[in-house]
């Protein structure tokens, strides 16, 4: 069934460059249902996600016990930019850890998140420290930095299930991974311009 998204909402999301808007819960559920056994006793890291609005966080937190996840970490980037036209105080990037203990809120508020000292970019030292703690990375990374993003996951030997534009398979770095059977396309990648890519999470 085709997704129904209002044109005005898509336009607004594009203007705000909000990739998380495009990652709908139904798409996450349709793909991740094929990989459920791989999350047991694992630390899952969504390093391009605001836990307060992310559907990745929503999926994993809501299915935390069923999947047997050890810990869920999300981290969010915040652009550090001030100018004459923007007088608002700049917010640092932040992260949130969910462990599923009794009484822990499944929907964090602004007081539950922990701010980074910096912007929370996935390449920052603070974010990399969280990456080192994780077993599997699942998110919708910025398309413009896709090659660099995947290279970092390979460098730190992390399994991943991420969303990428189908054109990414033409990048020599990505094509090489697929050719060597070190990464492959997700179940639903062929249905549109983007979809999941995995390494190595066999069905």
C-alpha atoms as a PDB file:
ATOM      1  CA  UNK A   1       0.000   0.000   0.000  1.00  0.00           C
ATOM      2  CA  UNK A   2       1.379   3.406  -0.972  1.00  0.00           C
ATOM      3  CA  UNK A   3       2.125   5.832   1.783  1.00  0.00           C
ATOM      4  CA  UNK A   4      -0.141   8.851   2.031  1.00  0.00           C
ATOM      5  CA  UNK A   5       1.829  11.997   2.763  1.00  0.00           C
ATOM      6  CA  UNK A   6       0.437  15.466   2.327  1.00  0.00           C
ATOM      7  CA  UNK A   7       2.368  17.564  -0.187  1.00  0.00           C
ATOM      8  CA  UNK A   8       2.453  20.537   2.174  1.00  0.00           C
ATOM      9  CA  UNK A   9       4.091  18.421   4.897  1.00  0.00           C
ATOM     10  CA  UNK A  10       6.728  17.097   2.498  1.00  0.00           C
ATOM     11  CA  UNK A  11       7.494  20.628   1.355  1.00  0.00           C
ATOM     12  CA  UNK A  12       7.858  21.784   4.957  1.00  0.00           C
ATOM     13  CA  UNK A  13      10.139  18.867   5.800  1.00  0.00           C
ATOM     14  CA  UNK A  14      12.292  19.604   2.760  1.00  0.00           C
ATOM     15  CA  UNK A  15      12.634  23.240   3.762  1.00  0.00           C
ATOM     16  CA  UNK A  16      13.662  22.192   7.261  1.00  0.00           C
ATOM     17  CA  UNK A  17      15.973  19.440   5.918  1.00  0.00           C
ATOM     18  CA  UNK A  18      14.338  17.059   8.376  1.00  0.00           C
ATOM     19  CA  UNK A  19      15.335  13.551   7.247  1.00  0.00           C
ATOM     20  CA  UNK A  20      13.628  12.047  10.280  1.00  0.00           C
ATOM     21  CA  UNK A  21      10.265  13.169   8.902  1.00  0.00           C
ATOM     22  CA  UNK A  22      10.773  10.981   5.847  1.00  0.00           C
ATOM     23  CA  UNK A  23      11.567   7.877   7.884  1.00  0.00           C
ATOM     24  CA  UNK A  24       8.072   6.651   8.540  1.00  0.00           C
ATOM     25  CA  UNK A  25       7.354   4.038  11.179  1.00  0.00           C
ATOM     26  CA  UNK A  26       5.659   1.752   8.658  1.00  0.00           C
ATOM     27  CA  UNK A  27       8.839   1.613   6.544  1.00  0.00           C
ATOM     28  CA  UNK A  28      10.941   0.827   9.600  1.00  0.00           C
ATOM     29  CA  UNK A  29       8.568  -1.939  10.700  1.00  0.00           C
ATOM     30  CA  UNK A  30       8.415  -3.462   7.197  1.00  0.00           C
ATOM     31  CA  UNK A  31      12.197  -3.750   6.987  1.00  0.00           C
ATOM     32  CA  UNK A  32      13.268  -4.492  10.532  1.00  0.00           C
ATOM     33  CA  UNK A  33      10.797  -7.346  10.970  1.00  0.00           C
ATOM     34  CA  UNK A  34      13.247  -9.401   8.903  1.00  0.00           C
ATOM     35  CA  UNK A  35      16.122  -8.818  11.334  1.00  0.00           C
ATOM     36  CA  UNK A  36      14.533  -9.108  14.769  1.00  0.00           C
ATOM     37  CA  UNK A  37      16.787 -11.900  16.044  1.00  0.00           C
ATOM     38  CA  UNK A  38      19.900  -9.781  15.499  1.00  0.00           C
ATOM     39  CA  UNK A  39      19.019  -7.256  18.193  1.00  0.00           C
ATOM     40  CA  UNK A  40      18.942  -9.628  21.155  1.00  0.00           C
ATOM     41  CA  UNK A  41      21.379  -8.579  23.912  1.00  0.00           C
ATOM     42  CA  UNK A  42      22.760  -5.848  21.663  1.00  0.00           C
ATOM     43  CA  UNK A  43      23.357  -2.130  22.142  1.00  0.00           C
ATOM     44  CA  UNK A  44      21.539  -0.333  19.327  1.00  0.00           C
ATOM     45  CA  UNK A  45      22.778   3.130  18.325  1.00  0.00           C
ATOM     46  CA  UNK A  46      20.683   5.563  16.292  1.00  0.00           C
ATOM     47  CA  UNK A  47      23.248   8.322  15.872  1.00  0.00           C
ATOM     48  CA  UNK A  48      21.264  10.651  13.623  1.00  0.00           C
ATOM     49  CA  UNK A  49      18.081  10.721  15.681  1.00  0.00           C
ATOM     50  CA  UNK A  50      16.276  12.996  18.106  1.00  0.00           C
ATOM     51  CA  UNK A  51      14.706  10.546  20.562  1.00  0.00           C
ATOM     52  CA  UNK A  52      11.808  12.946  21.116  1.00  0.00           C
ATOM     53  CA  UNK A  53      10.575  12.646  17.509  1.00  0.00           C
ATOM     54  CA  UNK A  54      12.488   9.798  15.864  1.00  0.00           C
ATOM     55  CA  UNK A  55      10.502   6.843  14.558  1.00  0.00           C
ATOM     56  CA  UNK A  56      13.625   4.690  14.907  1.00  0.00           C
ATOM     57  CA  UNK A  57      13.645   5.412  18.630  1.00  0.00           C
ATOM     58  CA  UNK A  58       9.889   4.860  18.745  1.00  0.00           C
ATOM     59  CA  UNK A  59      10.244   1.446  17.092  1.00  0.00           C
ATOM     60  CA  UNK A  60      13.066   0.181  19.278  1.00  0.00           C
ATOM     61  CA  UNK A  61      11.733   1.583  22.559  1.00  0.00           C
ATOM     62  CA  UNK A  62       8.241   0.199  21.905  1.00  0.00           C
ATOM     63  CA  UNK A  63       9.646  -3.246  21.031  1.00  0.00           C
ATOM     64  CA  UNK A  64      12.508  -3.179  23.527  1.00  0.00           C
ATOM     65  CA  UNK A  65      11.489  -6.261  25.522  1.00  0.00           C
ATOM     66  CA  UNK A  66      10.294  -8.258  22.507  1.00  0.00           C
ATOM     67  CA  UNK A  67      13.597  -7.691  20.696  1.00  0.00           C
ATOM     68  CA  UNK A  68      15.620  -8.324  23.857  1.00  0.00           C
ATOM     69  CA  UNK A  69      17.718  -5.197  23.369  1.00  0.00           C
ATOM     70  CA  UNK A  70      20.406  -4.518  25.961  1.00  0.00           C
ATOM     71  CA  UNK A  71      20.420  -0.727  25.524  1.00  0.00           C
ATOM     72  CA  UNK A  72      19.175   1.861  23.034  1.00  0.00           C
ATOM     73  CA  UNK A  73      21.165   5.039  22.398  1.00  0.00           C
ATOM     74  CA  UNK A  74      20.112   7.916  20.181  1.00  0.00           C
ATOM     75  CA  UNK A  75      22.172  10.989  19.334  1.00  0.00           C
ATOM     76  CA  UNK A  76      21.142  14.186  17.615  1.00  0.00           C
ATOM     77  CA  UNK A  77      23.137  16.816  15.719  1.00  0.00           C
ATOM     78  CA  UNK A  78      22.507  20.511  16.216  1.00  0.00           C
ATOM     79  CA  UNK A  79      24.056  23.025  13.840  1.00  0.00           C
ATOM     80  CA  UNK A  80      26.253  25.509  15.668  1.00  0.00           C
ATOM     81  CA  UNK A  81      25.637  28.716  13.781  1.00  0.00           C
ATOM     82  CA  UNK A  82      24.920  32.258  14.857  1.00  0.00           C
ATOM     83  CA  UNK A  83      24.748  35.400  12.772  1.00  0.00           C
ATOM     84  CA  UNK A  84      23.209  38.865  12.733  1.00  0.00           C
ATOM     85  CA  UNK A  85      19.849  37.428  11.734  1.00  0.00           C
ATOM     86  CA  UNK A  86      19.774  34.591  14.261  1.00  0.00           C
ATOM     87  CA  UNK A  87      19.972  35.854  17.809  1.00  0.00           C
ATOM     88  CA  UNK A  88      18.575  32.721  19.458  1.00  0.00           C
ATOM     89  CA  UNK A  89      20.831  30.731  21.755  1.00  0.00           C
ATOM     90  CA  UNK A  90      22.393  27.794  19.943  1.00  0.00           C
ATOM     91  CA  UNK A  91      21.532  24.356  21.363  1.00  0.00           C
ATOM     92  CA  UNK A  92      24.286  21.749  21.494  1.00  0.00           C
ATOM     93  CA  UNK A  93      23.771  18.269  20.153  1.00  0.00           C
ATOM     94  CA  UNK A  94      22.427  15.703  22.597  1.00  0.00           C
ATOM     95  CA  UNK A  95      21.911  12.022  23.251  1.00  0.00           C
ATOM     96  CA  UNK A  96      19.554   9.793  25.191  1.00  0.00           C
ATOM     97  CA  UNK A  97      19.981   6.279  26.551  1.00  0.00           C
ATOM     98  CA  UNK A  98      17.037   3.948  27.083  1.00  0.00           C
ATOM     99  CA  UNK A  99      17.477   0.731  29.061  1.00  0.00           C
ATOM    100  CA  UNK A 100      13.863  -0.386  29.475  1.00  0.00           C
ATOM    101  CA  UNK A 101      13.967  -0.426  33.255  1.00  0.00           C
ATOM    102  CA  UNK A 102      10.682  -0.114  35.120  1.00  0.00           C
ATOM    103  CA  UNK A 103       9.599   3.492  35.492  1.00  0.00           C
ATOM    104  CA  UNK A 104      11.794   4.762  32.659  1.00  0.00           C
ATOM    105  CA  UNK A 105       9.912   7.043  30.289  1.00  0.00           C
ATOM    106  CA  UNK A 106       9.517   5.693  26.781  1.00  0.00           C
ATOM    107  CA  UNK A 107       9.087   9.216  25.427  1.00  0.00           C
ATOM    108  CA  UNK A 108      11.900  11.438  26.722  1.00  0.00           C
ATOM    109  CA  UNK A 109      11.329  15.105  27.425  1.00  0.00           C
ATOM    110  CA  UNK A 110      13.832  17.919  27.064  1.00  0.00           C
ATOM    111  CA  UNK A 111      14.919  17.348  30.666  1.00  0.00           C
ATOM    112  CA  UNK A 112      15.756  13.675  30.018  1.00  0.00           C
ATOM    113  CA  UNK A 113      18.287  14.226  27.239  1.00  0.00           C
ATOM    114  CA  UNK A 114      22.018  14.771  27.851  1.00  0.00           C
ATOM    115  CA  UNK A 115      23.723  17.549  25.921  1.00  0.00           C
ATOM    116  CA  UNK A 116      27.076  17.114  24.233  1.00  0.00           C
ATOM    117  CA  UNK A 117      29.753  19.738  24.678  1.00  0.00           C
ATOM    118  CA  UNK A 118      29.680  20.106  20.899  1.00  0.00           C
ATOM    119  CA  UNK A 119      27.212  19.770  18.035  1.00  0.00           C
ATOM    120  CA  UNK A 120      26.732  15.974  18.173  1.00  0.00           C
ATOM    121  CA  UNK A 121      27.926  15.373  14.613  1.00  0.00           C
ATOM    122  CA  UNK A 122      28.419  11.639  14.013  1.00  0.00           C
ATOM    123  CA  UNK A 123      32.099  12.378  13.319  1.00  0.00           C
ATOM    124  CA  UNK A 124      32.651  14.147  16.644  1.00  0.00           C
ATOM    125  CA  UNK A 125      34.727  12.531  19.394  1.00  0.00           C
ATOM    126  CA  UNK A 126      31.711  12.499  21.716  1.00  0.00           C
ATOM    127  CA  UNK A 127      29.520  10.679  19.220  1.00  0.00           C
ATOM    128  CA  UNK A 128      32.305   8.242  18.339  1.00  0.00           C
ATOM    129  CA  UNK A 129      32.627   7.287  22.006  1.00  0.00           C
ATOM    130  CA  UNK A 130      28.958   6.244  21.934  1.00  0.00           C
ATOM    131  CA  UNK A 131      29.540   4.420  18.660  1.00  0.00           C
ATOM    132  CA  UNK A 132      32.302   2.373  20.277  1.00  0.00           C
ATOM    133  CA  UNK A 133      29.817   1.187  22.914  1.00  0.00           C
ATOM    134  CA  UNK A 134      27.314  -0.016  20.327  1.00  0.00           C
ATOM    135  CA  UNK A 135      26.864  -3.292  18.469  1.00  0.00           C
ATOM    136  CA  UNK A 136      24.472  -2.259  15.693  1.00  0.00           C
ATOM    137  CA  UNK A 137      23.794   1.152  14.133  1.00  0.00           C
ATOM    138  CA  UNK A 138      20.327   1.779  12.704  1.00  0.00           C
ATOM    139  CA  UNK A 139      19.366   5.186  11.321  1.00  0.00           C
ATOM    140  CA  UNK A 140      18.760   7.470   8.348  1.00  0.00           C
ATOM    141  CA  UNK A 141      22.130   9.212   7.867  1.00  0.00           C
ATOM    142  CA  UNK A 142      22.563  12.446   5.891  1.00  0.00           C
ATOM    143  CA  UNK A 143      22.687  11.529   2.197  1.00  0.00           C
ATOM    144  CA  UNK A 144      25.332  14.165   1.439  1.00  0.00           C
ATOM    145  CA  UNK A 145      27.718  12.466   3.873  1.00  0.00           C
ATOM    146  CA  UNK A 146      26.743   8.873   3.086  1.00  0.00           C
ATOM    147  CA  UNK A 147      30.164   7.684   1.937  1.00  0.00           C
ATOM    148  CA  UNK A 148      31.900   9.202   4.926  1.00  0.00           C
ATOM    149  CA  UNK A 149      29.227   7.802   7.229  1.00  0.00           C
ATOM    150  CA  UNK A 150      29.608   4.239   5.943  1.00  0.00           C
ATOM    151  CA  UNK A 151      33.406   4.527   6.004  1.00  0.00           C
ATOM    152  CA  UNK A 152      33.228   5.324   9.714  1.00  0.00           C
ATOM    153  CA  UNK A 153      31.045   2.278  10.405  1.00  0.00           C
ATOM    154  CA  UNK A 154      33.517   0.072   8.545  1.00  0.00           C
ATOM    155  CA  UNK A 155      36.461   1.622  10.393  1.00  0.00           C
ATOM    156  CA  UNK A 156      34.928   0.792  13.761  1.00  0.00           C
ATOM    157  CA  UNK A 157      33.717  -2.623  12.580  1.00  0.00           C
ATOM    158  CA  UNK A 158      30.043  -1.960  13.306  1.00  0.00           C
ATOM    159  CA  UNK A 159      27.097  -3.848  11.928  1.00  0.00           C
ATOM    160  CA  UNK A 160      24.487  -1.550  10.505  1.00  0.00           C
ATOM    161  CA  UNK A 161      21.075  -1.218   8.969  1.00  0.00           C
ATOM    162  CA  UNK A 162      20.809   2.234   7.434  1.00  0.00           C
ATOM    163  CA  UNK A 163      18.761   4.062   4.838  1.00  0.00           C
ATOM    164  CA  UNK A 164      20.515   5.170   1.683  1.00  0.00           C
ATOM    165  CA  UNK A 165      19.581   6.566  -1.700  1.00  0.00           C
ATOM    166  CA  UNK A 166      19.651   3.840  -4.348  1.00  0.00           C
ATOM    167  CA  UNK A 167      22.248   5.875  -6.256  1.00  0.00           C
ATOM    168  CA  UNK A 168      24.671   5.144  -3.404  1.00  0.00           C
ATOM    169  CA  UNK A 169      25.344   1.713  -4.896  1.00  0.00           C
ATOM    170  CA  UNK A 170      27.168   3.483  -7.748  1.00  0.00           C
ATOM    171  CA  UNK A 171      29.724   4.976  -5.347  1.00  0.00           C
ATOM    172  CA  UNK A 172      32.929   2.983  -5.757  1.00  0.00           C
ATOM    173  CA  UNK A 173      33.324   2.603  -1.986  1.00  0.00           C
ATOM    174  CA  UNK A 174      29.791   1.263  -1.550  1.00  0.00           C
ATOM    175  CA  UNK A 175      29.854  -0.885  -4.687  1.00  0.00           C
ATOM    176  CA  UNK A 176      33.058  -2.524  -3.481  1.00  0.00           C
ATOM    177  CA  UNK A 177      31.389  -3.513  -0.191  1.00  0.00           C
ATOM    178  CA  UNK A 178      28.448  -5.040  -2.049  1.00  0.00           C
ATOM    179  CA  UNK A 179      30.702  -6.804  -4.564  1.00  0.00           C
ATOM    180  CA  UNK A 180      32.747  -8.348  -1.758  1.00  0.00           C
ATOM    181  CA  UNK A 181      29.552  -9.406   0.055  1.00  0.00           C
ATOM    182  CA  UNK A 182      30.387  -7.129   2.987  1.00  0.00           C
ATOM    183  CA  UNK A 183      27.138  -5.208   2.581  1.00  0.00           C
ATOM    184  CA  UNK A 184      23.887  -5.795   0.770  1.00  0.00           C
ATOM    185  CA  UNK A 185      20.666  -4.125  -0.106  1.00  0.00           C
ATOM    186  CA  UNK A 186      17.713  -4.306   2.229  1.00  0.00           C
ATOM    187  CA  UNK A 187      14.530  -6.208   1.459  1.00  0.00           C
ATOM    188  CA  UNK A 188      12.577  -3.144   0.359  1.00  0.00           C
ATOM    189  CA  UNK A 189      15.280  -1.062  -1.350  1.00  0.00           C
ATOM    190  CA  UNK A 190      14.012  -1.657  -4.850  1.00  0.00           C
ATOM    191  CA  UNK A 191      10.586  -0.088  -4.323  1.00  0.00           C
ATOM    192  CA  UNK A 192      11.668   3.559  -4.585  1.00  0.00           C
ATOM    193  CA  UNK A 193      14.549   6.010  -4.573  1.00  0.00           C
ATOM    194  CA  UNK A 194      15.736   4.991  -1.124  1.00  0.00           C
ATOM    195  CA  UNK A 195      15.747   2.050   1.220  1.00  0.00           C
ATOM    196  CA  UNK A 196      17.792   0.079   3.708  1.00  0.00           C
ATOM    197  CA  UNK A 197      21.318  -1.210   3.331  1.00  0.00           C
ATOM    198  CA  UNK A 198      22.786  -3.748   5.741  1.00  0.00           C
ATOM    199  CA  UNK A 199      26.166  -5.039   6.881  1.00  0.00           C
ATOM    200  CA  UNK A 200      26.336  -7.909   7.723  1.00  0.00           C
ATOM    201  CA  UNK A 201      22.934  -8.829   9.098  1.00  0.00           C
ATOM    202  CA  UNK A 202      21.898 -12.012   7.263  1.00  0.00           C
ATOM    203  CA  UNK A 203      18.249 -13.038   7.266  1.00  0.00           C
END
